[in-house]
C-alpha atoms as a PDB file:
ATOM      1  CA  MET A   1     -49.223 171.817  67.497  1.00  0.00           C
ATOM      2  CA  ARG A   2     -52.235 169.496  67.572  1.00  0.00           C
ATOM      3  CA  THR A   3     -54.938 170.367  70.090  1.00  0.00           C
ATOM      4  CA  LEU A   4     -58.113 168.473  71.011  1.00  0.00           C
ATOM      5  CA  PHE A   5     -61.126 170.138  72.626  1.00  0.00           C
ATOM      6  CA  ILE A   6     -63.417 167.464  74.030  1.00  0.00           C
ATOM      7  CA  GLY A   7     -66.605 167.893  76.035  1.00  0.00           C
ATOM      8  CA  GLY A   8     -70.347 167.489  76.114  1.00  0.00           C
ATOM      9  CA  ALA A   9     -72.925 169.005  73.815  1.00  0.00           C
ATOM     10  CA  ARG A  10     -73.164 172.791  74.113  1.00  0.00           C
ATOM     11  CA  SER A  11     -70.110 172.898  76.371  1.00  0.00           C
ATOM     12  CA  GLY A  12     -68.442 175.708  74.393  1.00  0.00           C
ATOM     13  CA  LYS A  13     -65.910 173.596  72.457  1.00  0.00           C
ATOM     14  CA  SER A  14     -66.508 175.149  69.034  1.00  0.00           C
ATOM     15  CA  ALA A  15     -66.591 178.705  70.392  1.00  0.00           C
ATOM     16  CA  LEU A  16     -63.239 178.137  72.127  1.00  0.00           C
ATOM     17  CA  ALA A  17     -61.780 176.636  68.956  1.00  0.00           C
ATOM     18  CA  VAL A  18     -62.886 179.675  66.926  1.00  0.00           C
ATOM     19  CA  ARG A  19     -61.530 182.124  69.484  1.00  0.00           C
ATOM     20  CA  TRP A  20     -58.238 180.300  69.865  1.00  0.00           C
ATOM     21  CA  ALA A  21     -57.721 180.019  66.106  1.00  0.00           C
ATOM     22  CA  ASN A  22     -58.365 183.744  65.640  1.00  0.00           C
ATOM     23  CA  GLU A  23     -55.720 184.542  68.259  1.00  0.00           C
ATOM     24  CA  ARG A  24     -53.128 182.445  66.421  1.00  0.00           C
ATOM     25  CA  SER A  25     -53.594 183.052  62.709  1.00  0.00           C
ATOM     26  CA  GLY A  26     -55.349 185.037  60.018  1.00  0.00           C
ATOM     27  CA  ASN A  27     -55.105 182.129  57.569  1.00  0.00           C
ATOM     28  CA  ILE A  28     -57.540 179.505  58.809  1.00  0.00           C
ATOM     29  CA  CYS A  29     -59.281 176.566  57.181  1.00  0.00           C
ATOM     30  CA  ALA A  30     -62.265 174.999  58.908  1.00  0.00           C
ATOM     31  CA  LEU A  31     -62.914 171.389  57.938  1.00  0.00           C
ATOM     32  CA  VAL A  32     -66.552 170.883  58.878  1.00  0.00           C
ATOM     33  CA  THR A  33     -68.329 167.539  58.957  1.00  0.00           C
ATOM     34  CA  ALA A  34     -72.008 168.386  59.499  1.00  0.00           C
ATOM     35  CA  THR A  35     -74.628 167.746  56.857  1.00  0.00           C
ATOM     36  CA  GLU A  36     -78.044 169.393  56.570  1.00  0.00           C
ATOM     37  CA  SER A  37     -80.082 166.295  57.331  1.00  0.00           C
ATOM     38  CA  ASP A  38     -83.158 168.174  58.602  1.00  0.00           C
ATOM     39  CA  PRO A  39     -84.304 171.766  59.290  1.00  0.00           C
ATOM     40  CA  GLU A  40     -83.028 171.758  62.874  1.00  0.00           C
ATOM     41  CA  MET A  41     -79.558 170.643  61.755  1.00  0.00           C
ATOM     42  CA  ALA A  42     -79.608 173.246  58.995  1.00  0.00           C
ATOM     43  CA  ALA A  43     -80.249 175.896  61.674  1.00  0.00           C
ATOM     44  CA  ARG A  44     -77.319 174.619  63.757  1.00  0.00           C
ATOM     45  CA  ILE A  45     -75.017 174.763  60.732  1.00  0.00           C
ATOM     46  CA  ALA A  46     -76.201 178.288  59.941  1.00  0.00           C
ATOM     47  CA  ALA A  47     -75.414 179.364  63.523  1.00  0.00           C
ATOM     48  CA  HIS A  48     -71.873 177.966  63.237  1.00  0.00           C
ATOM     49  CA  ARG A  49     -71.416 179.781  59.914  1.00  0.00           C
ATOM     50  CA  ARG A  50     -72.390 183.073  61.565  1.00  0.00           C
ATOM     51  CA  GLU A  51     -69.831 182.483  64.342  1.00  0.00           C
ATOM     52  CA  ARG A  52     -66.941 181.982  61.914  1.00  0.00           C
ATOM     53  CA  PRO A  53     -65.099 185.018  60.556  1.00  0.00           C
ATOM     54  CA  ALA A  54     -65.843 185.768  56.899  1.00  0.00           C
ATOM     55  CA  HIS A  55     -62.170 185.513  55.866  1.00  0.00           C
ATOM     56  CA  TRP A  56     -61.899 181.872  56.938  1.00  0.00           C
ATOM     57  CA  ARG A  57     -61.850 179.222  54.267  1.00  0.00           C
ATOM     58  CA  VAL A  58     -64.493 176.608  55.047  1.00  0.00           C
ATOM     59  CA  ARG A  59     -64.340 173.153  53.540  1.00  0.00           C
ATOM     60  CA  GLU A  60     -67.211 170.741  54.011  1.00  0.00           C
ATOM     61  CA  GLU A  61     -66.042 167.142  54.341  1.00  0.00           C
ATOM     62  CA  PRO A  62     -68.580 164.798  55.911  1.00  0.00           C
ATOM     63  CA  VAL A  63     -66.720 161.508  55.252  1.00  0.00           C
ATOM     64  CA  HIS A  64     -63.184 161.687  53.792  1.00  0.00           C
ATOM     65  CA  LEU A  65     -61.624 163.698  56.614  1.00  0.00           C
ATOM     66  CA  GLY A  66     -58.179 162.082  56.395  1.00  0.00           C
ATOM     67  CA  ARG A  67     -57.844 162.941  52.721  1.00  0.00           C
ATOM     68  CA  ALA A  68     -59.018 166.501  53.353  1.00  0.00           C
ATOM     69  CA  LEU A  69     -56.542 166.982  56.208  1.00  0.00           C
ATOM     70  CA  ARG A  70     -53.662 165.790  54.010  1.00  0.00           C
ATOM     71  CA  GLU A  71     -54.581 168.481  51.472  1.00  0.00           C
ATOM     72  CA  GLU A  72     -54.481 171.337  54.019  1.00  0.00           C
ATOM     73  CA  ALA A  73     -51.710 173.323  55.700  1.00  0.00           C
ATOM     74  CA  GLY A  74     -51.433 176.200  58.131  1.00  0.00           C
ATOM     75  CA  LEU A  75     -54.012 176.433  60.905  1.00  0.00           C
ATOM     76  CA  VAL A  76     -56.871 173.970  60.478  1.00  0.00           C
ATOM     77  CA  ILE A  77     -59.922 173.413  62.664  1.00  0.00           C
ATOM     78  CA  VAL A  78     -61.760 170.084  62.434  1.00  0.00           C
ATOM     79  CA  ASP A  79     -65.325 170.485  63.710  1.00  0.00           C
ATOM     80  CA  CYS A  80     -66.396 167.871  64.652  1.00  0.00           C
ATOM     81  CA  LEU A  81     -65.366 164.244  65.006  1.00  0.00           C
ATOM     82  CA  THR A  82     -68.752 163.234  66.430  1.00  0.00           C
ATOM     83  CA  LEU A  83     -70.725 164.086  63.302  1.00  0.00           C
ATOM     84  CA  TRP A  84     -67.968 162.659  61.119  1.00  0.00           C
ATOM     85  CA  LEU A  85     -68.214 159.327  62.926  1.00  0.00           C
ATOM     86  CA  ALA A  86     -71.996 159.235  62.441  1.00  0.00           C
ATOM     87  CA  ASN A  87     -71.602 160.087  58.749  1.00  0.00           C
ATOM     88  CA  CYS A  88     -69.120 157.239  58.305  1.00  0.00           C
ATOM     89  CA  LEU A  89     -71.051 154.640  60.291  1.00  0.00           C
ATOM     90  CA  TRP A  90     -74.376 155.432  58.599  1.00  0.00           C
ATOM     91  CA  PRO A  91     -73.733 156.807  55.095  1.00  0.00           C
ATOM     92  CA  PRO A  92     -76.788 158.046  53.141  1.00  0.00           C
ATOM     93  CA  GLY A  93     -78.678 155.180  51.560  1.00  0.00           C
ATOM     94  CA  CYS A  94     -77.033 152.561  53.766  1.00  0.00           C
ATOM     95  CA  GLU A  95     -79.522 150.604  55.881  1.00  0.00           C
ATOM     96  CA  HIS A  96     -76.973 149.089  58.261  1.00  0.00           C
ATOM     97  CA  THR A  97     -73.923 150.192  60.231  1.00  0.00           C
ATOM     98  CA  ASP A  98     -70.902 150.436  57.894  1.00  0.00           C
ATOM     99  CA  THR A  99     -68.044 149.418  60.186  1.00  0.00           C
ATOM    100  CA  SER A 100     -65.681 148.488  57.336  1.00  0.00           C
ATOM    101  CA  GLY A 101     -65.989 151.910  55.685  1.00  0.00           C
ATOM    102  CA  TRP A 102     -65.588 153.523  59.094  1.00  0.00           C
ATOM    103  CA  ALA A 103     -62.441 151.500  59.879  1.00  0.00           C
ATOM    104  CA  ARG A 104     -60.878 152.631  56.608  1.00  0.00           C
ATOM    105  CA  GLU A 105     -61.763 156.323  57.121  1.00  0.00           C
ATOM    106  CA  ARG A 106     -60.599 156.218  60.757  1.00  0.00           C
ATOM    107  CA  ALA A 107     -57.214 154.750  59.791  1.00  0.00           C
ATOM    108  CA  GLN A 108     -56.733 157.346  57.046  1.00  0.00           C
ATOM    109  CA  PHE A 109     -57.620 160.189  59.418  1.00  0.00           C
ATOM    110  CA  LEU A 110     -55.292 158.977  62.178  1.00  0.00           C
ATOM    111  CA  ASP A 111     -52.458 158.636  59.638  1.00  0.00           C
ATOM    112  CA  ALA A 112     -53.104 162.164  58.362  1.00  0.00           C
ATOM    113  CA  LEU A 113     -53.302 163.496  61.920  1.00  0.00           C
ATOM    114  CA  GLY A 114     -49.956 161.947  62.808  1.00  0.00           C
ATOM    115  CA  ALA A 115     -48.334 163.416  59.695  1.00  0.00           C
ATOM    116  CA  PHE A 116     -49.884 166.901  59.919  1.00  0.00           C
ATOM    117  CA  THR A 117     -47.226 169.604  60.328  1.00  0.00           C
ATOM    118  CA  GLY A 118     -49.378 172.723  60.657  1.00  0.00           C
ATOM    119  CA  GLU A 119     -51.411 173.832  63.649  1.00  0.00           C
ATOM    120  CA  LEU A 120     -54.543 171.786  64.193  1.00  0.00           C
ATOM    121  CA  ILE A 121     -57.517 172.252  66.501  1.00  0.00           C
ATOM    122  CA  ILE A 122     -59.941 169.326  66.722  1.00  0.00           C
ATOM    123  CA  VAL A 123     -63.409 169.412  68.299  1.00  0.00           C
ATOM    124  CA  SER A 124     -65.052 166.226  69.580  1.00  0.00           C
ATOM    125  CA  ASN A 125     -67.842 165.270  71.943  1.00  0.00           C
ATOM    126  CA  GLU A 126     -67.407 163.134  75.034  1.00  0.00           C
ATOM    127  CA  VAL A 127     -70.203 160.578  74.785  1.00  0.00           C
ATOM    128  CA  GLY A 128     -69.063 157.909  77.218  1.00  0.00           C
ATOM    129  CA  THR A 129     -69.994 159.553  80.510  1.00  0.00           C
ATOM    130  CA  GLY A 130     -73.740 159.021  80.143  1.00  0.00           C
ATOM    131  CA  ILE A 131     -75.923 155.964  80.362  1.00  0.00           C
ATOM    132  CA  VAL A 132     -75.296 152.790  78.378  1.00  0.00           C
ATOM    133  CA  PRO A 133     -77.425 153.049  75.216  1.00  0.00           C
ATOM    134  CA  ASP A 134     -80.316 150.589  75.089  1.00  0.00           C
ATOM    135  CA  ASN A 135     -79.776 149.653  71.435  1.00  0.00           C
ATOM    136  CA  LEU A 136     -76.986 148.135  69.386  1.00  0.00           C
ATOM    137  CA  ALA A 137     -76.459 151.167  67.117  1.00  0.00           C
ATOM    138  CA  GLY A 138     -76.117 153.462  70.130  1.00  0.00           C
ATOM    139  CA  ARG A 139     -73.609 151.149  71.809  1.00  0.00           C
ATOM    140  CA  VAL A 140     -71.566 150.786  68.607  1.00  0.00           C
ATOM    141  CA  PHE A 141     -71.498 154.579  68.238  1.00  0.00           C
ATOM    142  CA  ARG A 142     -70.506 155.161  71.872  1.00  0.00           C
ATOM    143  CA  ASP A 143     -67.761 152.531  71.735  1.00  0.00           C
ATOM    144  CA  GLU A 144     -66.321 153.670  68.400  1.00  0.00           C
ATOM    145  CA  HIS A 145     -66.411 157.294  69.547  1.00  0.00           C
ATOM    146  CA  GLY A 146     -64.599 156.480  72.774  1.00  0.00           C
ATOM    147  CA  TRP A 147     -61.890 154.565  70.925  1.00  0.00           C
ATOM    148  CA  LEU A 148     -61.572 157.387  68.383  1.00  0.00           C
ATOM    149  CA  ASN A 149     -61.215 160.023  71.098  1.00  0.00           C
ATOM    150  CA  GLN A 150     -58.508 157.962  72.814  1.00  0.00           C
ATOM    151  CA  ALA A 151     -56.547 157.558  69.576  1.00  0.00           C
ATOM    152  CA  VAL A 152     -56.846 161.253  68.689  1.00  0.00           C
ATOM    153  CA  ALA A 153     -55.857 162.366  72.202  1.00  0.00           C
ATOM    154  CA  ALA A 154     -52.773 160.143  72.017  1.00  0.00           C
ATOM    155  CA  LEU A 155     -51.676 161.918  68.812  1.00  0.00           C
ATOM    156  CA  CYS A 156     -52.421 165.443  70.059  1.00  0.00           C
ATOM    157  CA  ASP A 157     -49.914 167.632  71.877  1.00  0.00           C
ATOM    158  CA  GLU A 158     -52.597 169.233  74.024  1.00  0.00           C
ATOM    159  CA  VAL A 159     -56.007 168.015  75.181  1.00  0.00           C
ATOM    160  CA  TYR A 160     -58.605 170.171  76.945  1.00  0.00           C
ATOM    161  CA  PHE A 161     -61.858 169.030  78.508  1.00  0.00           C
ATOM    162  CA  VAL A 162     -64.431 171.786  77.969  1.00  0.00           C
ATOM    163  CA  THR A 163     -67.491 172.347  80.127  1.00  0.00           C
ATOM    164  CA  ALA A 164     -69.572 175.495  80.683  1.00  0.00           C
ATOM    165  CA  GLY A 165     -67.259 177.342  78.278  1.00  0.00           C
ATOM    166  CA  LEU A 166     -64.217 176.612  80.438  1.00  0.00           C
ATOM    167  CA  ALA A 167     -61.246 174.532  79.341  1.00  0.00           C
ATOM    168  CA  MET A 168     -59.490 172.197  81.756  1.00  0.00           C
ATOM    169  CA  CYS A 169     -56.076 170.917  80.711  1.00  0.00           C
ATOM    170  CA  LEU A 170     -55.826 167.137  80.445  1.00  0.00           C
ATOM    171  CA  LYS A 171     -52.555 166.791  78.553  1.00  0.00           C
ATOM    172  CA  ALA A 172     -49.360 168.848  78.134  1.00  0.00           C
ATOM    173  CA  CYS A 173     -50.879 172.305  78.000  1.00  0.00           C
ATOM    174  CA  GLN A 174     -48.894 175.455  77.377  1.00  0.00           C
ATOM    175  CA  THR A 175     -47.255 176.958  80.413  1.00  0.00           C
ATOM    176  CA  GLY A 176     -46.796 180.603  81.128  1.00  0.00           C
ATOM    177  CA  PRO A 177     -44.498 182.470  83.506  1.00  0.00           C
ATOM    178  CA  GLY A 178     -43.893 180.557  86.724  1.00  0.00           C
ATOM    179  CA  GLY A 179     -45.156 177.311  85.164  1.00  0.00           C
ATOM    180  CA  THR A 180     -48.850 178.246  85.243  1.00  0.00           C
ATOM    181  CA  THR A 181     -51.124 176.587  82.706  1.00  0.00           C
ATOM    182  CA  THR A 182     -52.365 178.927  79.998  1.00  0.00           C
ATOM    183  CA  PRO A 183     -55.741 177.694  78.737  1.00  0.00           C
ATOM    184  CA  PRO A 184     -57.395 179.152  75.652  1.00  0.00           C
ATOM    185  CA  ARG A 185     -59.154 182.422  76.433  1.00  0.00           C
END
C-alpha cells in the first residue's frame, strides 16, 4: 500500500503519517529529507525527532531518495518530498538551479516508488494553490513540485489532502462497513 499525504504547511500531514504508521506496524523506517541549514530549521528537525517514537529507525537522505527507498522494506515513511526537491534543485555549493541532477533523482525515485512492495507513507506539500511566484527560481520550484506530486499521486494507492489536521480522501481510500471511507485517525 502506497499512501500520499499532501497539504499546506503546518496542515498536520507529518503528525497523521506518524500516527497512521504507529497503528500499522512496530517496525518503521523514516526516510527524512531535511537538512539543518540554519538554526530555525534545526529547531524544526528537533521537533520532528521528538514526535517520532524512539524505536523507529530514522535514515537521513536529503538527495538520493530513490536509492534509499530501494534499500528499505516494511513500513517506510518519506518526509518530505518538498524539502527533497529543494535539496536536489539547489545542492550545497551550486550557484544555479540543477535541473539535470533533479531529473535524474526524480526518475530514480519514481522507479523505486513503482517497485516498492512494502507499505509506504509519503508526505508532500501542496504549493500550487498560492500566488504565482515573482521570480524564476520560485516558478521552477512550484512547477517541478506540482509535476512531482502528480506523478507520485498516480503511483500511490491512496491520496489524502490534509488541512487543519483532517484528511480528505482524494483517491481510492480504504472503506469500512457499509462502504464508508476510513481516513487515518
